[in-house]
Amino acid sequence: MEATTSTTLNTRRIVIAGVLGAISILLGWTRLGYIPVPNLAANATIMHVPVIIGAVMEGWLVGAIIGLLFGLSSFALATIPLFKNPLVAIVPRIIIGITSYFAYAALKRSNEYLALVVAAIVGTLTNTILVLSLAGLLNYIPWELMPPILVTNALPEVIIAIILVVAVVTAWKRIETGSVQAKM
């Protein structure tokens, strides 16, 4: 699909970036983006999933824009010092869209489903690893807590992201290609 390789913004891409960015913001603002799980952080997040979906569907630039919107909302809605730092709240979220897109693009011709799964994994781990690395470098979290946080946070977030990304992108593409028509 040529549309995913272009770095230009057209009306469709701007609208998709806005809608998925708004979904990400809504997930954070309403706290619906946090799923309680028994781990050190007490929650798994799905707020990065719209970033991954946008990147896969419309390219790295759209993914980066949605990530920027996610990061700005994370910064604005921060309740803990870690996310009141714009470097931590914003930069990793922008990079989610870029890494997700390139992971997907590298595999989509050989296996679409595998490409979606890998994009979900890469995007999720980009967020988790970059946030935790910055938290350690900036002395918000001790380095010795990183491995258990990484394992207990990343695993549920990766599983949830895979399910949502594969389901949403597959449905979206079927509707766009006309292979499935909505019933009323």
N, C-alpha and C. Protein backbone atom coordinates (compact mmCIF):
# COMPACT_ATOMS: atom_id res chain seq x y z
N MET A 1 0.84 -1.17 0.00
CA MET A 1 0.00 0.00 0.00
C MET A 1 0.89 1.24 0.00
N GLU A 2 0.79 2.03 -1.01
CA GLU A 2 1.64 3.20 -1.17
C GLU A 2 1.41 4.23 -0.06
N ALA A 3 0.19 4.32 0.45
CA ALA A 3 -0.14 5.34 1.44
C ALA A 3 0.70 5.21 2.71
N THR A 4 1.13 4.01 3.06
CA THR A 4 1.90 3.84 4.29
C THR A 4 3.37 4.20 4.13
N THR A 5 3.84 4.36 2.90
CA THR A 5 5.25 4.69 2.72
C THR A 5 5.49 6.18 2.57
N SER A 6 4.47 6.94 2.30
CA SER A 6 4.61 8.37 2.09
C SER A 6 4.79 9.12 3.42
N THR A 7 5.49 10.21 3.35
CA THR A 7 5.67 11.05 4.54
C THR A 7 4.84 12.32 4.45
N THR A 8 3.93 12.37 3.49
CA THR A 8 3.06 13.53 3.37
C THR A 8 1.79 13.33 4.19
N LEU A 9 1.25 14.44 4.62
CA LEU A 9 -0.01 14.38 5.35
C LEU A 9 -1.14 14.81 4.42
N ASN A 10 -2.12 13.95 4.26
CA ASN A 10 -3.31 14.31 3.51
C ASN A 10 -4.48 14.38 4.50
N THR A 11 -5.64 14.69 4.01
CA THR A 11 -6.80 14.85 4.90
C THR A 11 -7.08 13.57 5.67
N ARG A 12 -7.03 12.44 5.00
CA ARG A 12 -7.30 11.16 5.66
C ARG A 12 -6.33 10.94 6.83
N ARG A 13 -5.06 11.15 6.59
CA ARG A 13 -4.06 10.92 7.63
C ARG A 13 -4.22 11.88 8.80
N ILE A 14 -4.54 13.11 8.52
CA ILE A 14 -4.75 14.08 9.59
C ILE A 14 -5.96 13.67 10.44
N VAL A 15 -7.03 13.25 9.79
CA VAL A 15 -8.24 12.83 10.51
C VAL A 15 -7.95 11.58 11.34
N ILE A 16 -7.28 10.61 10.75
CA ILE A 16 -6.97 9.38 11.49
C ILE A 16 -6.06 9.68 12.68
N ALA A 17 -5.06 10.53 12.48
CA ALA A 17 -4.17 10.91 13.58
C ALA A 17 -4.97 11.60 14.68
N GLY A 18 -5.89 12.48 14.31
CA GLY A 18 -6.71 13.18 15.30
C GLY A 18 -7.63 12.25 16.06
N VAL A 19 -8.29 11.35 15.34
CA VAL A 19 -9.24 10.43 15.99
C VAL A 19 -8.50 9.46 16.91
N LEU A 20 -7.43 8.84 16.42
CA LEU A 20 -6.69 7.90 17.26
C LEU A 20 -5.97 8.60 18.40
N GLY A 21 -5.49 9.82 18.15
CA GLY A 21 -4.91 10.62 19.23
C GLY A 21 -5.94 10.93 20.30
N ALA A 22 -7.15 11.28 19.87
CA ALA A 22 -8.24 11.56 20.82
C ALA A 22 -8.61 10.31 21.62
N ILE A 23 -8.60 9.16 20.97
CA ILE A 23 -8.88 7.91 21.70
C ILE A 23 -7.82 7.67 22.75
N SER A 24 -6.58 7.87 22.40
CA SER A 24 -5.49 7.69 23.36
C SER A 24 -5.64 8.65 24.54
N ILE A 25 -5.95 9.91 24.25
CA ILE A 25 -6.15 10.90 25.32
C ILE A 25 -7.34 10.51 26.20
N LEU A 26 -8.44 10.09 25.57
CA LEU A 26 -9.62 9.67 26.31
C LEU A 26 -9.33 8.48 27.22
N LEU A 27 -8.55 7.55 26.73
CA LEU A 27 -8.18 6.39 27.55
C LEU A 27 -7.42 6.83 28.80
N GLY A 28 -6.56 7.82 28.68
CA GLY A 28 -5.81 8.32 29.84
C GLY A 28 -6.66 9.17 30.76
N TRP A 29 -7.45 10.04 30.18
CA TRP A 29 -8.26 10.97 30.96
C TRP A 29 -9.33 10.25 31.78
N THR A 30 -9.96 9.24 31.18
CA THR A 30 -11.01 8.49 31.89
C THR A 30 -10.46 7.34 32.72
N ARG A 31 -9.18 7.07 32.57
CA ARG A 31 -8.50 5.94 33.23
C ARG A 31 -8.92 4.58 32.64
N LEU A 32 -9.66 4.59 31.53
CA LEU A 32 -10.03 3.33 30.86
C LEU A 32 -8.82 2.67 30.20
N GLY A 33 -7.75 3.43 30.02
CA GLY A 33 -6.54 2.90 29.41
C GLY A 33 -5.66 2.14 30.38
N TYR A 34 -6.08 2.06 31.62
CA TYR A 34 -5.31 1.34 32.63
C TYR A 34 -6.10 0.10 33.06
N ILE A 35 -5.48 -1.05 32.87
CA ILE A 35 -6.13 -2.31 33.23
C ILE A 35 -5.45 -2.85 34.47
N PRO A 36 -6.21 -3.01 35.56
CA PRO A 36 -5.60 -3.51 36.80
C PRO A 36 -5.02 -4.92 36.61
N VAL A 37 -3.77 -5.08 36.97
CA VAL A 37 -3.11 -6.38 36.94
C VAL A 37 -2.25 -6.49 38.20
N PRO A 38 -2.04 -7.70 38.67
CA PRO A 38 -1.23 -7.87 39.88
C PRO A 38 0.26 -7.76 39.59
N ASN A 39 0.76 -6.53 39.47
CA ASN A 39 2.18 -6.32 39.25
C ASN A 39 2.64 -5.11 40.07
N LEU A 40 3.91 -4.76 39.96
CA LEU A 40 4.45 -3.67 40.76
C LEU A 40 3.81 -2.32 40.44
N ALA A 41 3.40 -2.13 39.21
CA ALA A 41 2.78 -0.87 38.82
C ALA A 41 1.27 -0.87 39.07
N ALA A 42 0.70 -2.04 39.30
CA ALA A 42 -0.72 -2.24 39.57
C ALA A 42 -1.61 -2.07 38.34
N ASN A 43 -1.04 -1.67 37.21
CA ASN A 43 -1.82 -1.48 35.99
C ASN A 43 -1.01 -1.81 34.75
N ALA A 44 -1.71 -2.31 33.75
CA ALA A 44 -1.15 -2.42 32.41
C ALA A 44 -1.84 -1.32 31.60
N THR A 45 -1.14 -0.70 30.69
CA THR A 45 -1.74 0.36 29.91
C THR A 45 -2.02 -0.10 28.48
N ILE A 46 -3.08 0.45 27.90
CA ILE A 46 -3.37 0.22 26.48
C ILE A 46 -3.37 1.53 25.71
N MET A 47 -2.92 2.61 26.34
CA MET A 47 -2.97 3.91 25.69
C MET A 47 -2.01 4.02 24.50
N HIS A 48 -1.06 3.12 24.42
CA HIS A 48 -0.13 3.11 23.29
C HIS A 48 -0.70 2.39 22.07
N VAL A 49 -1.77 1.63 22.24
CA VAL A 49 -2.33 0.83 21.15
C VAL A 49 -2.82 1.70 19.99
N PRO A 50 -3.51 2.82 20.20
CA PRO A 50 -3.88 3.66 19.05
C PRO A 50 -2.66 4.16 18.27
N VAL A 51 -1.54 4.37 18.94
CA VAL A 51 -0.32 4.79 18.26
C VAL A 51 0.14 3.69 17.30
N ILE A 52 0.15 2.47 17.77
CA ILE A 52 0.57 1.33 16.95
C ILE A 52 -0.38 1.15 15.76
N ILE A 53 -1.67 1.22 16.02
CA ILE A 53 -2.67 1.05 14.96
C ILE A 53 -2.50 2.14 13.90
N GLY A 54 -2.34 3.37 14.32
CA GLY A 54 -2.15 4.47 13.37
C GLY A 54 -0.89 4.30 12.55
N ALA A 55 0.18 3.86 13.19
CA ALA A 55 1.45 3.66 12.48
C ALA A 55 1.33 2.56 11.43
N VAL A 56 0.68 1.47 11.80
CA VAL A 56 0.52 0.34 10.88
C VAL A 56 -0.38 0.72 9.71
N MET A 57 -1.45 1.44 9.99
CA MET A 57 -2.42 1.77 8.95
C MET A 57 -1.98 2.94 8.05
N GLU A 58 -1.28 3.92 8.62
CA GLU A 58 -1.01 5.15 7.87
C GLU A 58 0.44 5.58 7.82
N GLY A 59 1.35 4.83 8.42
CA GLY A 59 2.76 5.16 8.31
C GLY A 59 3.36 5.74 9.57
N TRP A 60 4.68 5.84 9.55
CA TRP A 60 5.42 6.26 10.74
C TRP A 60 5.11 7.70 11.16
N LEU A 61 4.86 8.58 10.20
CA LEU A 61 4.59 9.98 10.54
C LEU A 61 3.28 10.10 11.31
N VAL A 62 2.25 9.43 10.85
CA VAL A 62 0.97 9.44 11.57
C VAL A 62 1.15 8.79 12.94
N GLY A 63 1.89 7.69 13.00
CA GLY A 63 2.16 7.06 14.28
C GLY A 63 2.88 7.99 15.24
N ALA A 64 3.84 8.74 14.72
CA ALA A 64 4.58 9.69 15.56
C ALA A 64 3.67 10.83 16.05
N ILE A 65 2.76 11.29 15.20
CA ILE A 65 1.83 12.36 15.60
C ILE A 65 0.89 11.86 16.69
N ILE A 66 0.36 10.65 16.52
CA ILE A 66 -0.52 10.08 17.55
C ILE A 66 0.28 9.89 18.84
N GLY A 67 1.52 9.43 18.71
CA GLY A 67 2.38 9.28 19.89
C GLY A 67 2.63 10.61 20.58
N LEU A 68 2.81 11.67 19.79
CA LEU A 68 2.98 13.01 20.37
C LEU A 68 1.73 13.41 21.15
N LEU A 69 0.56 13.18 20.58
CA LEU A 69 -0.69 13.51 21.29
C LEU A 69 -0.82 12.68 22.57
N PHE A 70 -0.47 11.41 22.51
CA PHE A 70 -0.48 10.54 23.69
C PHE A 70 0.49 11.09 24.73
N GLY A 71 1.69 11.44 24.31
CA GLY A 71 2.70 11.95 25.23
C GLY A 71 2.31 13.27 25.87
N LEU A 72 1.75 14.18 25.06
CA LEU A 72 1.31 15.46 25.61
C LEU A 72 0.20 15.27 26.64
N SER A 73 -0.72 14.35 26.35
CA SER A 73 -1.79 14.10 27.33
C SER A 73 -1.24 13.42 28.57
N SER A 74 -0.28 12.53 28.40
CA SER A 74 0.36 11.88 29.55
C SER A 74 1.03 12.91 30.43
N PHE A 75 1.69 13.86 29.81
CA PHE A 75 2.36 14.94 30.53
C PHE A 75 1.33 15.83 31.23
N ALA A 76 0.28 16.21 30.52
CA ALA A 76 -0.74 17.11 31.08
C ALA A 76 -1.54 16.46 32.21
N LEU A 77 -1.75 15.16 32.12
CA LEU A 77 -2.57 14.45 33.11
C LEU A 77 -1.73 13.75 34.18
N ALA A 78 -0.43 13.99 34.18
CA ALA A 78 0.48 13.29 35.09
C ALA A 78 0.10 13.48 36.55
N THR A 79 0.13 12.37 37.27
CA THR A 79 -0.13 12.41 38.71
C THR A 79 1.10 12.01 39.51
N ILE A 80 2.15 11.57 38.81
CA ILE A 80 3.40 11.21 39.49
C ILE A 80 4.55 11.97 38.85
N PRO A 81 5.60 12.26 39.61
CA PRO A 81 6.71 13.07 39.08
C PRO A 81 7.35 12.51 37.80
N LEU A 82 7.41 11.21 37.66
CA LEU A 82 8.02 10.61 36.48
C LEU A 82 7.42 11.16 35.20
N PHE A 83 6.11 11.23 35.12
CA PHE A 83 5.44 11.67 33.90
C PHE A 83 5.21 13.17 33.85
N LYS A 84 5.63 13.88 34.88
CA LYS A 84 5.61 15.34 34.84
C LYS A 84 6.87 15.86 34.15
N ASN A 85 7.76 14.95 33.82
CA ASN A 85 8.96 15.28 33.05
C ASN A 85 8.62 15.05 31.58
N PRO A 86 8.67 16.11 30.74
CA PRO A 86 8.29 15.95 29.33
C PRO A 86 9.17 14.97 28.56
N LEU A 87 10.43 14.84 28.96
CA LEU A 87 11.31 13.88 28.29
C LEU A 87 10.77 12.46 28.44
N VAL A 88 10.28 12.13 29.62
CA VAL A 88 9.75 10.79 29.90
C VAL A 88 8.34 10.64 29.33
N ALA A 89 7.53 11.66 29.48
CA ALA A 89 6.13 11.57 29.09
C ALA A 89 5.92 11.61 27.57
N ILE A 90 6.78 12.33 26.86
CA ILE A 90 6.51 12.58 25.44
C ILE A 90 7.41 11.80 24.49
N VAL A 91 8.71 11.83 24.69
CA VAL A 91 9.65 11.26 23.70
C VAL A 91 9.41 9.76 23.44
N PRO A 92 9.30 8.90 24.46
CA PRO A 92 9.07 7.48 24.16
C PRO A 92 7.79 7.24 23.37
N ARG A 93 6.77 8.06 23.60
CA ARG A 93 5.48 7.87 22.93
C ARG A 93 5.57 8.21 21.45
N ILE A 94 6.38 9.21 21.10
CA ILE A 94 6.59 9.53 19.68
C ILE A 94 7.31 8.36 18.99
N ILE A 95 8.28 7.81 19.67
CA ILE A 95 9.09 6.74 19.08
C ILE A 95 8.29 5.45 18.90
N ILE A 96 7.22 5.24 19.68
CA ILE A 96 6.36 4.05 19.51
C ILE A 96 5.87 3.96 18.07
N GLY A 97 5.37 5.06 17.53
CA GLY A 97 4.83 5.06 16.17
C GLY A 97 5.88 4.75 15.12
N ILE A 98 7.07 5.23 15.34
CA ILE A 98 8.15 5.02 14.37
C ILE A 98 8.61 3.56 14.38
N THR A 99 8.88 3.02 15.56
CA THR A 99 9.37 1.63 15.63
C THR A 99 8.29 0.63 15.21
N SER A 100 7.05 0.90 15.58
CA SER A 100 5.95 0.00 15.20
C SER A 100 5.81 -0.08 13.69
N TYR A 101 5.84 1.09 13.05
CA TYR A 101 5.69 1.11 11.60
C TYR A 101 6.80 0.32 10.92
N PHE A 102 8.05 0.56 11.29
CA PHE A 102 9.14 -0.10 10.60
C PHE A 102 9.19 -1.60 10.89
N ALA A 103 8.76 -2.02 12.07
CA ALA A 103 8.66 -3.45 12.36
C ALA A 103 7.60 -4.09 11.46
N TYR A 104 6.47 -3.42 11.34
CA TYR A 104 5.39 -3.90 10.49
C TYR A 104 5.82 -3.93 9.01
N ALA A 105 6.40 -2.84 8.55
CA ALA A 105 6.80 -2.72 7.14
C ALA A 105 7.81 -3.80 6.75
N ALA A 106 8.68 -4.17 7.68
CA ALA A 106 9.70 -5.17 7.38
C ALA A 106 9.12 -6.56 7.14
N LEU A 107 7.94 -6.83 7.72
CA LEU A 107 7.39 -8.18 7.65
C LEU A 107 6.08 -8.32 6.88
N LYS A 108 5.43 -7.23 6.54
CA LYS A 108 4.07 -7.31 6.01
C LYS A 108 3.95 -8.08 4.69
N ARG A 109 4.98 -8.07 3.88
CA ARG A 109 4.89 -8.79 2.60
C ARG A 109 5.01 -10.29 2.77
N SER A 110 5.70 -10.73 3.81
CA SER A 110 5.85 -12.18 4.01
C SER A 110 4.69 -12.76 4.81
N ASN A 111 4.19 -12.01 5.81
CA ASN A 111 3.09 -12.53 6.62
C ASN A 111 2.42 -11.37 7.37
N GLU A 112 1.24 -11.01 6.94
CA GLU A 112 0.52 -9.86 7.50
C GLU A 112 0.26 -10.02 9.00
N TYR A 113 -0.21 -11.18 9.41
CA TYR A 113 -0.52 -11.38 10.83
C TYR A 113 0.74 -11.32 11.69
N LEU A 114 1.79 -11.95 11.23
CA LEU A 114 3.06 -11.88 11.96
C LEU A 114 3.54 -10.43 12.05
N ALA A 115 3.40 -9.69 10.96
CA ALA A 115 3.80 -8.28 10.96
C ALA A 115 3.02 -7.48 11.99
N LEU A 116 1.73 -7.74 12.11
CA LEU A 116 0.90 -7.04 13.10
C LEU A 116 1.31 -7.42 14.52
N VAL A 117 1.56 -8.70 14.74
CA VAL A 117 1.99 -9.16 16.07
C VAL A 117 3.32 -8.52 16.45
N VAL A 118 4.26 -8.54 15.53
CA VAL A 118 5.58 -7.96 15.81
C VAL A 118 5.47 -6.45 16.03
N ALA A 119 4.66 -5.76 15.25
CA ALA A 119 4.46 -4.32 15.45
C ALA A 119 3.90 -4.03 16.84
N ALA A 120 2.95 -4.85 17.29
CA ALA A 120 2.37 -4.68 18.62
C ALA A 120 3.42 -4.91 19.71
N ILE A 121 4.24 -5.94 19.53
CA ILE A 121 5.29 -6.24 20.50
C ILE A 121 6.32 -5.11 20.52
N VAL A 122 6.80 -4.72 19.35
CA VAL A 122 7.83 -3.69 19.27
C VAL A 122 7.33 -2.36 19.83
N GLY A 123 6.12 -1.96 19.47
CA GLY A 123 5.56 -0.71 19.97
C GLY A 123 5.40 -0.71 21.48
N THR A 124 4.90 -1.81 22.01
CA THR A 124 4.71 -1.92 23.46
C THR A 124 6.04 -1.89 24.19
N LEU A 125 6.99 -2.67 23.70
CA LEU A 125 8.30 -2.71 24.36
C LEU A 125 9.06 -1.39 24.20
N THR A 126 8.85 -0.69 23.09
CA THR A 126 9.46 0.63 22.92
C THR A 126 9.00 1.54 24.04
N ASN A 127 7.70 1.58 24.29
CA ASN A 127 7.16 2.42 25.35
C ASN A 127 7.72 2.01 26.71
N THR A 128 7.60 0.74 27.04
CA THR A 128 8.01 0.26 28.36
C THR A 128 9.50 0.44 28.60
N ILE A 129 10.30 0.01 27.65
CA ILE A 129 11.76 0.07 27.83
C ILE A 129 12.27 1.51 27.87
N LEU A 130 11.77 2.36 26.98
CA LEU A 130 12.24 3.75 26.99
C LEU A 130 11.80 4.49 28.25
N VAL A 131 10.56 4.30 28.67
CA VAL A 131 10.10 4.96 29.90
C VAL A 131 10.91 4.47 31.10
N LEU A 132 11.10 3.17 31.22
CA LEU A 132 11.87 2.65 32.35
C LEU A 132 13.33 3.08 32.29
N SER A 133 13.91 3.10 31.11
CA SER A 133 15.30 3.53 30.98
C SER A 133 15.47 4.99 31.40
N LEU A 134 14.55 5.83 30.94
CA LEU A 134 14.61 7.24 31.34
C LEU A 134 14.34 7.39 32.84
N ALA A 135 13.43 6.59 33.37
CA ALA A 135 13.15 6.63 34.81
C ALA A 135 14.39 6.26 35.61
N GLY A 136 15.16 5.30 35.12
CA GLY A 136 16.40 4.93 35.79
C GLY A 136 17.48 5.98 35.63
N LEU A 137 17.67 6.46 34.41
CA LEU A 137 18.70 7.47 34.15
C LEU A 137 18.45 8.77 34.91
N LEU A 138 17.19 9.11 35.08
CA LEU A 138 16.84 10.36 35.77
C LEU A 138 16.56 10.15 37.27
N ASN A 139 16.87 8.96 37.75
CA ASN A 139 16.75 8.61 39.17
C ASN A 139 15.33 8.68 39.75
N TYR A 140 14.34 8.37 38.93
CA TYR A 140 12.97 8.28 39.43
C TYR A 140 12.70 6.90 40.04
N ILE A 141 13.33 5.88 39.46
CA ILE A 141 13.15 4.50 39.89
C ILE A 141 14.52 3.86 40.00
N PRO A 142 14.80 3.14 41.11
CA PRO A 142 16.10 2.45 41.24
C PRO A 142 16.25 1.36 40.17
N TRP A 143 17.45 1.23 39.66
CA TRP A 143 17.72 0.25 38.60
C TRP A 143 17.39 -1.18 39.02
N GLU A 144 17.54 -1.50 40.29
CA GLU A 144 17.27 -2.88 40.72
C GLU A 144 15.79 -3.24 40.61
N LEU A 145 14.90 -2.26 40.53
CA LEU A 145 13.47 -2.55 40.35
C LEU A 145 13.09 -2.73 38.88
N MET A 146 13.98 -2.38 37.98
CA MET A 146 13.66 -2.43 36.55
C MET A 146 13.30 -3.83 36.04
N PRO A 147 14.10 -4.86 36.32
CA PRO A 147 13.73 -6.17 35.78
C PRO A 147 12.34 -6.66 36.20
N PRO A 148 11.97 -6.60 37.48
CA PRO A 148 10.62 -7.07 37.81
C PRO A 148 9.51 -6.19 37.22
N ILE A 149 9.75 -4.88 37.15
CA ILE A 149 8.75 -4.00 36.53
C ILE A 149 8.62 -4.32 35.05
N LEU A 150 9.75 -4.50 34.39
CA LEU A 150 9.74 -4.80 32.96
C LEU A 150 8.97 -6.09 32.68
N VAL A 151 9.26 -7.13 33.43
CA VAL A 151 8.61 -8.41 33.19
C VAL A 151 7.12 -8.36 33.53
N THR A 152 6.79 -7.81 34.70
CA THR A 152 5.39 -7.84 35.12
C THR A 152 4.52 -6.83 34.37
N ASN A 153 5.11 -5.74 33.89
CA ASN A 153 4.34 -4.77 33.10
C ASN A 153 4.28 -5.16 31.64
N ALA A 154 5.42 -5.50 31.09
CA ALA A 154 5.50 -5.73 29.65
C ALA A 154 4.66 -6.91 29.19
N LEU A 155 4.66 -7.99 29.93
CA LEU A 155 3.95 -9.19 29.48
C LEU A 155 2.45 -8.95 29.29
N PRO A 156 1.72 -8.44 30.30
CA PRO A 156 0.30 -8.20 30.05
C PRO A 156 0.05 -7.13 28.98
N GLU A 157 0.89 -6.11 28.94
CA GLU A 157 0.71 -5.06 27.94
C GLU A 157 0.94 -5.58 26.53
N VAL A 158 1.93 -6.44 26.34
CA VAL A 158 2.19 -7.03 25.03
C VAL A 158 1.02 -7.91 24.60
N ILE A 159 0.53 -8.75 25.49
CA ILE A 159 -0.58 -9.65 25.15
C ILE A 159 -1.82 -8.85 24.75
N ILE A 160 -2.16 -7.84 25.53
CA ILE A 160 -3.33 -7.02 25.24
C ILE A 160 -3.13 -6.27 23.92
N ALA A 161 -1.95 -5.72 23.70
CA ALA A 161 -1.68 -4.98 22.47
C ALA A 161 -1.79 -5.88 21.25
N ILE A 162 -1.26 -7.09 21.33
CA ILE A 162 -1.35 -8.02 20.20
C ILE A 162 -2.81 -8.27 19.84
N ILE A 163 -3.61 -8.59 20.83
CA ILE A 163 -5.03 -8.89 20.59
C ILE A 163 -5.73 -7.69 19.95
N LEU A 164 -5.55 -6.50 20.52
CA LEU A 164 -6.24 -5.31 20.01
C LEU A 164 -5.74 -4.89 18.64
N VAL A 165 -4.43 -4.87 18.44
CA VAL A 165 -3.88 -4.44 17.15
C VAL A 165 -4.32 -5.39 16.03
N VAL A 166 -4.18 -6.69 16.24
CA VAL A 166 -4.56 -7.65 15.20
C VAL A 166 -6.06 -7.54 14.91
N ALA A 167 -6.88 -7.46 15.95
CA ALA A 167 -8.34 -7.39 15.75
C ALA A 167 -8.75 -6.12 15.02
N VAL A 168 -8.27 -4.97 15.47
CA VAL A 168 -8.69 -3.69 14.89
C VAL A 168 -8.16 -3.52 13.47
N VAL A 169 -6.89 -3.79 13.26
CA VAL A 169 -6.30 -3.58 11.92
C VAL A 169 -6.90 -4.57 10.92
N THR A 170 -7.09 -5.80 11.32
CA THR A 170 -7.68 -6.79 10.41
C THR A 170 -9.09 -6.38 10.03
N ALA A 171 -9.90 -5.97 11.00
CA ALA A 171 -11.26 -5.53 10.70
C ALA A 171 -11.26 -4.29 9.82
N TRP A 172 -10.40 -3.33 10.14
CA TRP A 172 -10.30 -2.08 9.38
C TRP A 172 -9.95 -2.38 7.92
N LYS A 173 -8.97 -3.24 7.71
CA LYS A 173 -8.56 -3.56 6.34
C LYS A 173 -9.64 -4.32 5.58
N ARG A 174 -10.37 -5.18 6.26
CA ARG A 174 -11.47 -5.91 5.59
C ARG A 174 -12.57 -4.95 5.16
N ILE A 175 -12.88 -4.01 6.01
CA ILE A 175 -13.91 -3.03 5.67
C ILE A 175 -13.44 -2.16 4.49
N GLU A 176 -12.18 -1.71 4.53
CA GLU A 176 -11.65 -0.86 3.46
C GLU A 176 -11.58 -1.57 2.12
N THR A 177 -11.29 -2.86 2.13
CA THR A 177 -11.17 -3.59 0.87
C THR A 177 -12.52 -4.13 0.40
N GLY A 178 -13.55 -4.01 1.23
CA GLY A 178 -14.87 -4.47 0.85
C GLY A 178 -15.07 -5.96 1.02
N SER A 179 -14.13 -6.65 1.70
CA SER A 179 -14.30 -8.09 1.87
C SER A 179 -15.33 -8.41 2.95
N VAL A 180 -15.66 -7.44 3.76
CA VAL A 180 -16.71 -7.60 4.76
C VAL A 180 -17.53 -6.32 4.74
N GLN A 181 -18.82 -6.45 4.65
CA GLN A 181 -19.66 -5.27 4.66
C GLN A 181 -20.40 -5.20 5.99
N ALA A 182 -20.49 -4.00 6.52
CA ALA A 182 -21.21 -3.81 7.77
C ALA A 182 -22.68 -4.11 7.56
N LYS A 183 -23.28 -4.81 8.52
CA LYS A 183 -24.72 -5.12 8.43
C LYS A 183 -25.49 -4.17 9.34
N MET A 184 -26.61 -3.74 8.87
CA MET A 184 -27.44 -2.82 9.65
C MET A 184 -28.70 -3.48 10.08
